[in-house]
Amino acid sequence: LVIALATIWGFAIGVWAVVRLLHKRPFSSVIGWNRRFSFSQFGIGCAIAAGYLAVSMTWSFVSGNAPKRSELEIGTWLLALGPIALVVFMQGASEELVFRGYLPQQLAARLSNPFVWGLLPSVLFGFMHAANSPGNQTYAIYYVVIATIMGMVMLAMVWRTGSLAAAIGFHVINNVGA
């Protein structure tokens, strides 16, 4: 899992290379309007995701569909949580750079319609998640739909704040929770 998630770091490297070498602008211009990463917005995104996960888990328990605990010992799980959280941070941030940073910026510069620059990257993000359920068409469709909706929510965060920070926080906590 760690290796699979780490391969997505190439997204960040690709965005950096294209922005610096092709567009001749600072990489920080993809992060936000003021070119700074806001830790307070990151924290807000984390809190929103934690609330979403709490509601989701509560619903799972109430509806009788609680997640099943793996056979992994809790100590081993806790030991792995730190490194996995770091990899998930890089993975989530890389996806945000592409799908809520670079693509919407490039599309908005060419097309003013928010349905194009807002919806298209979210749909692409959704389709990227179809592989989360190999061999099960129903769950693959579910993952595409849910990831597309989450993509739109995270893009709304970027649109509202002018920065990727809250969306990265939301994405990271959502993925760690998953």
Foldseek 3Di string as FASTA:
>chain_A
DLVVLLVLLVLLVVLCCCCCPVVVDHLLVLFFVVSDADPVLLVVLLVVLVVVLVVVQVVCVVVVNHDDDDPDDPVVVVVVLVVSLVSLLSSLVSLCSPLQGDQLVVVCVPDVDCCCSQQVSLLVQLLVCLVVDPPDNVVSVVSSVVSSVLSNVQNVSCVVPRGNSSSSSNSSNNVSSD
